[in-house]
Amino acid sequence: MIDIHSHILPGVDDGAKSIEDSLQMARMAVIEGIHKIIATPHHMNGKYENRKEDIIARVATLNEVLQAQAIPLEILPGQETRIYGEMLKDYKLEEIVTLNDGGKYLFIELPSAHVPRYTEQLLSDIQFERLTPIIVHPERNQELIENPDLLYKLVNNGTLTQVTAASVSGAFGKAIQKFSMQLIEANLTHFVSSDAHNITNRSFKMNEAYDAIEKKYSVDYVNLFLDNAELLVEGKSIYKEVPEKIKKKKFLGVF
């Protein structure tokens, strides 16, 4: 299994605080059946800045430690960048790193409460540069919860999304779990990843998520998400079904 979203690098954001924390997370990941993790530290979110060169160096160091500890896990470089207007400019300045430094897939984090007005244009500009933007944890964005048609429009225009395993398993509450499942059912998400920060309250929960998906839908959905993570790491095109709008339920016979 490959996890494409994790805060396992030590001392760079609100994830692992020390190398021992990273090792604890690595051991838990292996128990979950994960053999590769993309380290995606926060960048430009108002609190943390982690630029490409530093991330790649820290990933190499962590891999050396994992090998020395005989932990069968490989860390790959990535970045969780909060959306901002100068993203493409900074990408060209080698400050932004794509997932696995493959020059194809780029994580985009939206603010938790809203979607900036320039989002649609920026995502279009990113695709014009032959990059594929991936919105992380859209199920936790309040505006997208209230107006899922906005996410449909973005996905229909070529943007991908990634839901958090803990959201799918119910760790963030039933409302977010329900919306996550709606995104899966409507083909509005393409990856399930841990967004793990530690081994206590923000752990991996990948197996829990896949069990929930298999139970509600089928193992075919699980295999699609597993395959997509591998294809992403390899820099290949992922599988995606035609997106659909989330159907609004009737209440007492009225929309």
Protein backbone atom coordinates (compact mmCIF):
# COMPACT_ATOMS: atom_id res chain seq x y z
CA MET A 1 0.00 0.00 0.00
CA ILE A 2 1.17 3.54 -0.76
CA ASP A 3 0.19 6.55 1.33
CA ILE A 4 0.49 9.77 -0.67
CA HIS A 5 -0.19 12.25 2.17
CA SER A 6 1.65 12.21 5.51
CA HIS A 7 3.39 14.49 7.97
CA ILE A 8 6.14 12.06 8.88
CA LEU A 9 9.13 14.36 8.42
CA PRO A 10 10.41 15.36 11.88
CA GLY A 11 10.40 18.92 13.17
CA VAL A 12 9.02 20.73 10.13
CA ASP A 13 5.31 21.24 10.90
CA ASP A 14 2.54 19.99 13.19
CA GLY A 15 3.35 16.36 12.39
CA ALA A 16 6.25 14.35 13.81
CA LYS A 17 8.16 16.47 16.30
CA SER A 18 11.30 14.34 16.50
CA ILE A 19 13.06 11.53 14.65
CA GLU A 20 11.68 9.13 17.28
CA ASP A 21 8.14 10.31 16.41
CA SER A 22 8.92 9.64 12.75
CA LEU A 23 10.16 6.15 13.57
CA GLN A 24 7.04 5.40 15.60
CA MET A 25 4.90 6.53 12.67
CA ALA A 26 7.00 4.45 10.29
CA ARG A 27 6.57 1.31 12.38
CA MET A 28 2.82 1.83 12.56
CA ALA A 29 2.68 2.41 8.80
CA VAL A 30 4.41 -0.92 8.17
CA ILE A 31 1.93 -2.68 10.46
CA GLU A 32 -0.86 -1.11 8.35
CA GLY A 33 0.70 -2.63 5.24
CA ILE A 34 2.16 0.60 3.89
CA HIS A 35 5.53 0.30 2.13
CA LYS A 36 5.86 3.80 0.65
CA ILE A 37 4.85 7.17 2.05
CA ILE A 38 4.99 10.56 0.39
CA ALA A 39 6.04 13.09 3.02
CA THR A 40 3.93 16.20 2.47
CA PRO A 41 4.84 18.89 5.02
CA HIS A 42 2.73 22.03 5.17
CA HIS A 43 3.89 24.95 3.07
CA MET A 44 2.71 28.57 2.97
CA ASN A 45 -0.24 27.99 5.31
CA GLY A 46 0.56 31.05 7.41
CA LYS A 47 2.59 29.06 9.92
CA TYR A 48 4.96 26.73 8.11
CA GLU A 49 7.19 27.09 5.10
CA ASN A 50 8.95 24.02 3.72
CA ARG A 51 10.65 24.53 0.38
CA LYS A 52 11.56 21.89 -2.18
CA GLU A 53 15.29 21.73 -1.60
CA ASP A 54 14.92 21.31 2.16
CA ILE A 55 12.18 18.68 1.84
CA ILE A 56 14.23 16.55 -0.53
CA ALA A 57 17.25 16.72 1.80
CA ARG A 58 15.17 15.80 4.86
CA VAL A 59 13.53 12.90 3.02
CA ALA A 60 16.96 11.50 2.14
CA THR A 61 18.05 11.76 5.77
CA LEU A 62 14.92 10.03 7.06
CA ASN A 63 15.35 7.21 4.54
CA GLU A 64 18.90 6.66 5.81
CA VAL A 65 17.62 6.37 9.38
CA LEU A 66 14.85 3.96 8.35
CA GLN A 67 17.39 1.76 6.57
CA ALA A 68 19.68 1.82 9.60
CA GLN A 69 16.73 0.76 11.76
CA ALA A 70 15.77 -1.96 9.27
CA ILE A 71 12.26 -0.52 8.88
CA PRO A 72 10.91 -1.59 5.44
CA LEU A 73 9.45 1.75 4.46
CA GLU A 74 10.48 4.23 1.77
CA ILE A 75 9.80 7.95 2.10
CA LEU A 76 9.20 10.02 -1.04
CA PRO A 77 9.22 13.83 -1.33
CA GLY A 78 6.07 15.91 -1.53
CA GLN A 79 4.44 19.03 -0.14
CA GLU A 80 1.04 20.19 1.07
CA THR A 81 0.86 23.74 -0.20
CA ARG A 82 -1.90 26.11 0.88
CA ILE A 83 -3.36 27.75 -2.19
CA TYR A 84 -1.95 31.21 -2.96
CA GLY A 85 -1.75 33.40 -6.02
CA GLU A 86 2.00 33.06 -6.65
CA MET A 87 2.10 29.26 -6.61
CA LEU A 88 3.07 28.83 -10.25
CA LYS A 89 5.71 31.53 -10.02
CA ASP A 90 7.27 29.81 -7.00
CA TYR A 91 7.00 26.42 -8.73
CA LYS A 92 9.13 27.80 -11.54
CA LEU A 93 11.56 29.12 -8.91
CA GLU A 94 11.96 25.51 -7.62
CA GLU A 95 10.32 26.25 -4.27
CA ILE A 96 7.30 23.98 -4.86
CA VAL A 97 7.81 20.22 -5.15
CA THR A 98 5.40 17.91 -6.96
CA LEU A 99 4.47 14.54 -5.47
CA ASN A 100 7.48 12.22 -5.61
CA ASP A 101 9.19 15.12 -7.42
CA GLY A 102 7.74 13.67 -10.61
CA GLY A 103 6.73 16.94 -12.25
CA LYS A 104 3.12 15.81 -12.70
CA TYR A 105 0.92 15.89 -9.57
CA LEU A 106 0.65 18.85 -7.20
CA PHE A 107 -1.13 18.98 -3.84
CA ILE A 108 -3.34 22.01 -3.17
CA GLU A 109 -4.77 22.74 0.28
CA LEU A 110 -7.77 25.04 0.53
CA PRO A 111 -8.61 27.09 3.63
CA SER A 112 -10.94 25.11 5.88
CA ALA A 113 -13.86 27.56 5.76
CA HIS A 114 -14.01 28.73 2.14
CA VAL A 115 -12.76 28.44 -1.44
CA PRO A 116 -10.86 31.52 -2.63
CA ARG A 117 -12.40 33.25 -5.63
CA TYR A 118 -9.29 32.77 -7.75
CA THR A 119 -9.22 28.99 -7.19
CA GLU A 120 -10.83 27.96 -10.48
CA GLN A 121 -8.51 30.17 -12.54
CA LEU A 122 -5.37 29.06 -10.68
CA LEU A 123 -6.24 25.38 -11.07
CA SER A 124 -6.76 25.99 -14.78
CA ASP A 125 -3.40 27.79 -15.03
CA ILE A 126 -1.70 24.90 -13.22
CA GLN A 127 -3.10 22.43 -15.75
CA PHE A 128 -1.96 24.69 -18.59
CA GLU A 129 1.57 24.09 -17.26
CA ARG A 130 0.99 20.32 -17.68
CA LEU A 131 0.60 19.77 -13.96
CA THR A 132 -2.35 18.00 -12.36
CA PRO A 133 -3.65 19.69 -9.20
CA ILE A 134 -5.00 17.52 -6.39
CA ILE A 135 -7.19 19.18 -3.76
CA VAL A 136 -6.52 17.57 -0.39
CA HIS A 137 -9.30 16.72 2.08
CA PRO A 138 -12.15 18.56 0.27
CA GLU A 139 -14.54 16.77 2.63
CA ARG A 140 -13.39 19.07 5.42
CA ASN A 141 -13.91 22.34 3.54
CA GLN A 142 -17.06 24.09 4.77
CA GLU A 143 -17.92 25.81 1.49
CA LEU A 144 -17.58 22.57 -0.47
CA ILE A 145 -19.77 20.77 2.06
CA GLU A 146 -22.44 23.43 1.60
CA ASN A 147 -21.99 23.69 -2.16
CA PRO A 148 -20.66 20.40 -3.59
CA ASP A 149 -21.51 21.56 -7.12
CA LEU A 150 -18.45 23.79 -6.85
CA LEU A 151 -16.24 20.75 -6.35
CA TYR A 152 -18.03 18.99 -9.21
CA LYS A 153 -17.14 21.90 -11.50
CA LEU A 154 -13.46 21.78 -10.50
CA VAL A 155 -13.23 18.01 -10.93
CA ASN A 156 -15.11 18.14 -14.22
CA ASN A 157 -12.48 20.62 -15.41
CA GLY A 158 -9.62 18.23 -14.61
CA THR A 159 -8.73 18.74 -10.96
CA LEU A 160 -8.31 15.63 -8.80
CA THR A 161 -9.06 15.25 -5.10
CA GLN A 162 -7.87 13.17 -2.14
CA VAL A 163 -10.00 12.30 0.89
CA THR A 164 -8.56 11.51 4.30
CA ALA A 165 -8.78 7.95 5.61
CA ALA A 166 -9.90 9.18 9.03
CA SER A 167 -12.78 11.07 7.39
CA VAL A 168 -13.93 7.90 5.65
CA SER A 169 -13.63 5.81 8.82
CA GLY A 170 -15.68 8.30 10.85
CA ALA A 171 -12.94 9.73 13.07
CA PHE A 172 -13.94 13.30 12.14
CA GLY A 173 -17.62 12.65 12.83
CA LYS A 174 -20.61 11.24 10.98
CA ALA A 175 -21.30 14.34 8.88
CA ILE A 176 -17.82 14.39 7.36
CA GLN A 177 -17.91 10.61 6.95
CA LYS A 178 -21.21 10.88 5.05
CA PHE A 179 -19.88 13.62 2.77
CA SER A 180 -16.71 11.60 2.12
CA MET A 181 -18.82 8.64 1.03
CA GLN A 182 -20.90 10.91 -1.20
CA LEU A 183 -17.71 12.12 -2.88
CA ILE A 184 -16.64 8.53 -3.48
CA GLU A 185 -20.04 7.55 -4.85
CA ALA A 186 -20.16 10.56 -7.19
CA ASN A 187 -16.62 9.92 -8.54
CA LEU A 188 -15.50 13.24 -7.07
CA THR A 189 -12.42 11.85 -5.37
CA HIS A 190 -9.52 9.79 -6.67
CA PHE A 191 -7.27 8.97 -3.70
CA VAL A 192 -7.60 7.87 -0.08
CA SER A 193 -4.62 8.84 2.07
CA SER A 194 -3.84 9.08 5.76
CA ASP A 195 -2.80 12.70 6.32
CA ALA A 196 -1.19 11.11 9.40
CA HIS A 197 0.43 13.48 11.89
CA ASN A 198 1.21 11.09 14.76
CA ILE A 199 0.30 7.66 16.17
CA THR A 200 -2.32 8.87 18.65
CA ASN A 201 -5.14 11.18 17.53
CA ARG A 202 -4.06 11.60 13.87
CA SER A 203 -2.83 8.16 12.82
CA PHE A 204 -3.07 6.31 9.52
CA LYS A 205 -6.46 4.52 9.61
CA MET A 206 -6.01 3.37 6.03
CA ASN A 207 -7.26 -0.17 6.64
CA GLU A 208 -10.30 1.16 8.52
CA ALA A 209 -11.12 3.43 5.60
CA TYR A 210 -10.77 0.71 2.98
CA ASP A 211 -12.85 -1.68 5.07
CA ALA A 212 -15.61 0.95 5.25
CA ILE A 213 -15.44 1.57 1.49
CA GLU A 214 -15.54 -2.14 0.67
CA LYS A 215 -18.48 -2.67 3.01
CA LYS A 216 -20.53 0.21 1.60
CA TYR A 217 -19.58 -0.15 -2.06
CA SER A 218 -17.26 -2.92 -3.24
CA VAL A 219 -13.66 -4.06 -3.36
CA ASP A 220 -13.48 -2.52 -6.86
CA TYR A 221 -13.48 0.94 -5.29
CA VAL A 222 -10.69 -0.09 -2.93
CA ASN A 223 -8.60 -1.43 -5.79
CA LEU A 224 -9.12 1.76 -7.78
CA PHE A 225 -7.76 3.90 -4.94
CA LEU A 226 -4.85 1.51 -4.31
CA ASP A 227 -3.97 1.47 -8.00
CA ASN A 228 -4.21 5.25 -8.30
CA ALA A 229 -1.66 5.77 -5.52
CA GLU A 230 0.79 3.51 -7.37
CA LEU A 231 0.15 5.21 -10.70
CA LEU A 232 0.70 8.62 -9.11
CA VAL A 233 4.07 7.60 -7.66
CA GLU A 234 5.06 6.26 -11.07
CA GLY A 235 4.03 9.54 -12.72
CA LYS A 236 1.39 7.84 -14.83
CA SER A 237 -2.20 8.82 -15.57
CA ILE A 238 -4.63 7.63 -12.92
CA TYR A 239 -8.02 5.93 -13.28
CA LYS A 240 -11.00 8.23 -12.99
CA GLU A 241 -14.67 7.77 -13.65
CA VAL A 242 -16.99 10.48 -15.01
CA PRO A 243 -17.82 12.82 -12.10
CA GLU A 244 -21.42 13.29 -11.05
CA LYS A 245 -23.19 15.94 -9.05
CA ILE A 246 -24.10 14.93 -5.52
CA LYS A 247 -27.83 14.40 -5.45
CA LYS A 248 -29.68 16.51 -2.93
CA LYS A 249 -32.07 14.45 -0.83
CA LYS A 250 -35.73 15.38 -0.77
CA PHE A 251 -37.06 16.50 2.60
CA LEU A 252 -40.80 16.00 3.12
CA GLY A 253 -41.20 15.87 -0.64
CA VAL A 254 -39.52 19.24 -1.23
CA PHE A 255 -35.95 19.98 -2.34
